[in-house]
Amino acid sequence: MILYPKDFIKEVLIKEIGDIANKHAYLSFTLICCGIEFLGKCLDTQVEDFNEYKQNSGEQFKCAIIKLFPNKYHDHCQLLWQGLRNGLVHANTPKSQIGLFSKNDEIYYKILYEQHPVFDKKEDKLIIGVEYFYDDFVEACKKILEMEFSADKMNKPLLNTPSK
């Protein structure tokens, strides 16, 4: 099966990460962060190939947050990159300035979507709930799906998975 970038977004970033988020909240934070970076790579006109590595993943991640996520994330862009994404990708745990929760945690019932993410000044932490974060990630994915791209990378196969 051949997946083009937009197919990958639909099948992997939205569908598969959604399945994981429902069962394994903690693991899904890492996958969402990697997905955000992929969305940033879609937007990056300097990257002609998804396998191209130019050491600008931080800029791609932040670009995706600024251009695709609700404004309430924008002030936390650097902390999301360093504290959440880098902590999870490099050490499988967020840095100390990040607090994570899911619907299974008591705090879920205290933080409404409109308040999310919450910066707790007392704890000096950005508090992020996986269900809210995933929903905003899906909306970011949909924005990419609605865009027209002239870049060749968006119009050629991304993955070729073996068929049965």
Foldseek 3Di string as FASTA:
>chain_A
DFDFVLNCCVPPVQPVLVVCCVPPVLVSLQVLLVVLLVLLVLVDPVDQAPVDDDPCSLVSSLCLCVPQFDPVCNVCSVCCVQFRHCCCVPPVHGPQQEAEDEPVDPCVVVDDLVCPQPQDPVSNHGYHYRVSSSVRSNSSSVVSVPDDDPRVSNVDTRDDDDDD
